[in-house]
Each structure stands twice: as C-alpha cells, then as structure tokens.
Amino acid sequence: MPLHVPPAPAPALRSVLAALSSPTAVREARTPALRSVQGPLSPELPLPVHVLDRIVPNNGTPYTRLTGWRFLIRSGDRAVAAAETMLTPDGWTFSHFFEGPYIASTERALRQAESMRTPFQPRLLSIPELYMLTLWLHGDTDADASAGTPEPSDFLVPLAPAPPGIAAHLPHRVADLLPVMTLRLTSAPLLGSPA
C-alpha cells in the first residue's frame, strides 16, 4: 500500500526552496555533500517531526508535540541531505540543512513501510531521552499530521543508529515498544537529543 505522505505547510516548503536557491545558505551549510552537488536540488517527502516529551509508564498516553517539518533533499535519484523547518511566531521558517546516517535510514524505513499491506501516514518521532529517532507509521491516514499521539496500534520503526538493545529497521507496534523504551529510561543515563 502506498504511504499517505501529508502535505507540508506551504510556508515551510517555500522557506526550504528559498534556502536551496540561496548560494549563501547552501555554501554556509555544514553539509559537505550538499555543497559539492552539481545540478538541481529538490525537497521531497516532507515529514512532520514530533518529539516524545514524556514516556508515561503503565500504558498511559505518551505526550508528543510537533517541532518542525523535515524534507529530504534530492539530487538526481538519491537524497544527499535534509532540510528542517521550524514554527516561529511569524510562521514556518527554514531552520537548517544537515546530513548523516538518519538520511539513508529514513529512506530505507520509508521503502520498508511502502511494502507493508496497511496504509499509513508517515511521521518522524524523536525520543530525546533515548537519543532515538523513529519513523512513526500512523494508522489514521486522514489525521492532521501536526497533531496526535502514537496510538497503541501504530508502528514505530527505529532508525539507525538505534540505542543499544533496540533493533533498527524492525517495525514495532507502539504498544510493544513503549514498555521497552520505558525500561531503557529507568536503566540508562540520559544521552541528549537525536538529529
């Protein structure tokens, strides 16, 4: 089944397009791959980025909030970087370009999700307490992509690199992975926030 990729807010897309057309923004980006690309660059696969602020023990509802939209930046047939936008008091604005292992890992997880039989709305879910980023496959394909929390029947696909003891690229139902993450939080020191 195809994924139902939600449309990004138009101002978020415009801000990324403006950054890509700015020689200064591209030249000053800390992304060698982006600076060295010859030819056109295009933002694709906009995914809302949610942060899991609190894992609630005993099957409580986790608390999430939207922090931005992430676009994979393509050159030809491959993603060479990503662009992130953020919401400010003046609306959506470009935040930064970046590269690293989460780019290829996101593409791989999206291909994996495409092969599943159930339709999903893809989102990214960051779990700063575990320094973990997941592809969140939300079961309600018509839902507002900027709101909501992971439902027990939704899937989370940990992106590589994943924390020790949690396998990357293995889809887990939220109801199964949340207890594992809760256990990890009670037994592991805090590490920071993923990209």
Protein backbone atom coordinates (compact mmCIF):
# COMPACT_ATOMS: atom_id res chain seq x y z
CA MET A 1 0.00 0.00 0.00
CA PRO A 2 1.28 3.45 -0.71
CA LEU A 3 2.11 5.74 2.17
CA HIS A 4 -0.14 8.76 2.57
CA VAL A 5 2.52 11.47 2.91
CA PRO A 6 0.86 14.55 4.38
CA PRO A 7 1.41 17.86 2.58
CA ALA A 8 3.76 20.21 4.37
CA PRO A 9 2.55 23.71 5.17
CA ALA A 10 3.16 25.86 2.07
CA PRO A 11 5.30 28.41 4.01
CA ALA A 12 7.57 25.57 5.23
CA LEU A 13 8.13 24.37 1.67
CA ARG A 14 8.68 27.93 0.41
CA SER A 15 11.29 28.53 3.12
CA VAL A 16 13.23 25.40 2.08
CA LEU A 17 13.04 26.33 -1.60
CA ALA A 18 14.31 29.83 -0.75
CA ALA A 19 17.22 28.35 1.23
CA LEU A 20 18.09 25.98 -1.61
CA SER A 21 18.16 28.87 -4.08
CA SER A 22 20.39 30.95 -1.81
CA PRO A 23 24.09 30.40 -2.59
CA THR A 24 24.92 31.73 0.88
CA ALA A 25 22.63 29.30 2.71
CA VAL A 26 23.96 26.31 0.74
CA ARG A 27 27.61 27.40 0.91
CA GLU A 28 27.47 28.02 4.67
CA ALA A 29 25.62 24.78 5.39
CA ARG A 30 27.55 22.21 7.41
CA THR A 31 26.79 19.59 4.80
CA PRO A 32 29.73 18.82 2.50
CA ALA A 33 27.51 16.62 0.32
CA LEU A 34 25.11 19.48 -0.30
CA ARG A 35 27.89 21.93 -1.15
CA SER A 36 29.54 19.54 -3.61
CA VAL A 37 26.43 18.52 -5.59
CA GLN A 38 26.27 19.55 -9.23
CA GLY A 39 22.82 20.05 -10.69
CA PRO A 40 19.39 20.78 -9.31
CA LEU A 41 18.32 20.00 -5.76
CA SER A 42 14.72 19.33 -4.80
CA PRO A 43 12.97 18.98 -1.43
CA GLU A 44 10.86 15.83 -1.26
CA LEU A 45 8.99 13.61 1.19
CA PRO A 46 8.01 16.21 3.79
CA LEU A 47 7.59 14.54 7.15
CA PRO A 48 6.26 16.19 10.30
CA VAL A 49 8.74 15.88 13.16
CA HIS A 50 7.19 15.18 16.54
CA VAL A 51 9.05 14.94 19.83
CA LEU A 52 8.05 12.49 22.52
CA ASP A 53 8.43 14.66 25.59
CA ARG A 54 7.31 12.14 28.10
CA ILE A 55 7.01 8.38 28.14
CA VAL A 56 4.24 7.51 30.53
CA PRO A 57 4.57 4.22 32.42
CA ASN A 58 1.64 1.88 32.96
CA ASN A 59 0.22 2.24 29.44
CA GLY A 60 -0.54 5.96 29.81
CA THR A 61 -0.82 8.13 26.71
CA PRO A 62 2.58 9.50 25.67
CA TYR A 63 2.88 13.26 25.25
CA THR A 64 4.12 14.47 21.85
CA ARG A 65 4.43 17.85 20.16
CA LEU A 66 5.17 18.96 16.61
CA THR A 67 8.56 20.67 16.32
CA GLY A 68 9.03 21.01 12.56
CA TRP A 69 8.88 19.55 9.08
CA ARG A 70 11.79 17.65 7.54
CA PHE A 71 12.37 17.42 3.80
CA LEU A 72 14.78 15.03 2.12
CA ILE A 73 16.92 16.97 -0.36
CA ARG A 74 17.39 15.02 -3.57
CA SER A 75 19.98 15.32 -6.25
CA GLY A 76 19.03 13.00 -9.07
CA ASP A 77 17.92 9.65 -7.66
CA ARG A 78 19.41 9.96 -4.15
CA ALA A 79 18.93 12.02 -1.03
CA VAL A 80 22.09 13.97 -0.25
CA ALA A 81 20.88 15.94 2.78
CA ALA A 82 17.79 17.05 4.65
CA ALA A 83 16.30 20.43 5.46
CA GLU A 84 14.37 21.17 8.60
CA THR A 85 11.86 23.93 9.21
CA MET A 86 10.50 25.23 12.48
CA LEU A 87 7.48 27.17 13.61
CA THR A 88 8.19 30.69 14.85
CA PRO A 89 5.80 33.44 15.97
CA ASP A 90 5.91 34.66 12.34
CA GLY A 91 5.09 31.24 10.87
CA TRP A 92 7.10 28.41 9.33
CA THR A 93 10.72 29.19 8.55
CA PHE A 94 13.81 27.36 7.35
CA SER A 95 15.97 26.12 10.24
CA HIS A 96 18.97 24.22 8.85
CA PHE A 97 20.40 21.69 6.41
CA PHE A 98 22.06 18.53 7.70
CA GLU A 99 23.34 15.14 6.62
CA GLY A 100 24.29 11.95 8.39
CA PRO A 101 23.07 8.40 8.93
CA TYR A 102 19.43 9.34 9.52
CA ILE A 103 19.04 10.39 5.87
CA ALA A 104 19.69 6.93 4.40
CA SER A 105 17.96 5.29 7.36
CA THR A 106 14.80 7.36 6.78
CA GLU A 107 14.77 6.40 3.09
CA ARG A 108 15.20 2.73 3.99
CA ALA A 109 12.40 2.83 6.57
CA LEU A 110 10.07 4.55 4.09
CA ARG A 111 10.78 1.85 1.47
CA GLN A 112 10.10 -0.78 4.15
CA ALA A 113 6.81 0.89 5.06
CA GLU A 114 5.76 1.03 1.41
CA SER A 115 5.93 -2.77 1.29
CA MET A 116 3.57 -3.21 4.26
CA ARG A 117 -0.03 -4.08 3.44
CA THR A 118 -1.64 -1.44 5.63
CA PRO A 119 -1.85 2.23 4.59
CA PHE A 120 -0.08 4.63 6.95
CA GLN A 121 0.64 8.31 7.36
CA PRO A 122 4.42 8.60 7.88
CA ARG A 123 5.81 10.94 10.52
CA LEU A 124 9.09 11.19 12.38
CA LEU A 125 9.14 10.75 16.15
CA SER A 126 12.16 11.86 18.13
CA ILE A 127 12.72 10.42 21.60
CA PRO A 128 15.40 12.72 23.07
CA GLU A 129 15.63 10.80 26.34
CA LEU A 130 16.97 7.79 24.44
CA TYR A 131 18.75 9.70 21.65
CA MET A 132 16.43 7.85 19.26
CA LEU A 133 14.64 8.75 16.05
CA THR A 134 11.85 6.61 14.60
CA LEU A 135 9.63 6.56 11.57
CA TRP A 136 6.15 6.74 13.09
CA LEU A 137 3.57 4.98 10.93
CA HIS A 138 0.24 6.44 12.00
CA GLY A 139 -2.80 4.33 11.15
CA ASP A 140 -5.19 7.25 10.54
CA THR A 141 -4.13 8.40 7.08
CA ASP A 142 -6.58 11.34 7.15
CA ALA A 143 -5.41 12.70 10.51
CA ASP A 144 -3.97 16.16 10.95
CA ALA A 145 -0.23 15.47 10.66
CA SER A 146 0.59 18.26 13.09
CA ALA A 147 -1.33 16.73 15.99
CA GLY A 148 -1.92 13.50 17.79
CA THR A 149 -0.06 10.95 19.82
CA PRO A 150 1.13 7.47 18.89
CA GLU A 151 -1.77 5.04 19.09
CA PRO A 152 -1.09 1.54 20.51
CA SER A 153 -1.74 0.05 17.05
CA ASP A 154 0.59 2.47 15.22
CA PHE A 155 4.08 1.29 14.28
CA LEU A 156 7.45 2.77 15.17
CA VAL A 157 10.46 1.88 13.04
CA PRO A 158 13.69 2.81 14.89
CA LEU A 159 16.15 4.49 12.55
CA ALA A 160 19.83 3.62 12.55
CA PRO A 161 21.72 4.24 14.69
CA ALA A 162 19.30 2.98 17.32
CA PRO A 163 20.04 2.75 21.04
CA PRO A 164 21.62 -0.48 22.30
CA GLY A 165 19.02 -3.19 22.78
CA ILE A 166 16.57 -1.72 20.23
CA ALA A 167 16.91 -3.10 16.70
CA ALA A 168 16.95 -0.54 13.89
CA HIS A 169 14.56 -1.03 10.96
CA LEU A 170 12.39 -3.53 12.79
CA PRO A 171 8.77 -2.28 12.90
CA HIS A 172 7.27 -2.41 16.39
CA ARG A 173 3.72 -1.69 17.47
CA VAL A 174 3.68 1.29 19.82
CA ALA A 175 2.05 -0.90 22.49
CA ASP A 176 5.08 -3.23 22.32
CA LEU A 177 7.91 -0.67 22.02
CA LEU A 178 6.79 1.87 24.65
CA PRO A 179 7.33 -0.56 27.56
CA VAL A 180 10.83 -1.35 26.21
CA MET A 181 11.63 2.37 25.97
CA THR A 182 10.28 2.95 29.47
CA LEU A 183 12.50 0.16 30.81
CA ARG A 184 15.51 1.64 28.98
CA LEU A 185 14.83 5.05 30.53
CA THR A 186 14.80 3.64 34.04
CA SER A 187 18.11 1.83 33.48
CA ALA A 188 20.12 4.16 31.17
CA PRO A 189 21.71 7.57 31.66
CA LEU A 190 20.37 10.49 29.60
CA LEU A 191 22.35 10.97 26.37
CA GLY A 192 20.93 14.04 24.61
CA SER A 193 18.81 14.59 21.54
CA PRO A 194 18.95 12.94 18.09
CA ALA A 195 19.37 14.93 14.91
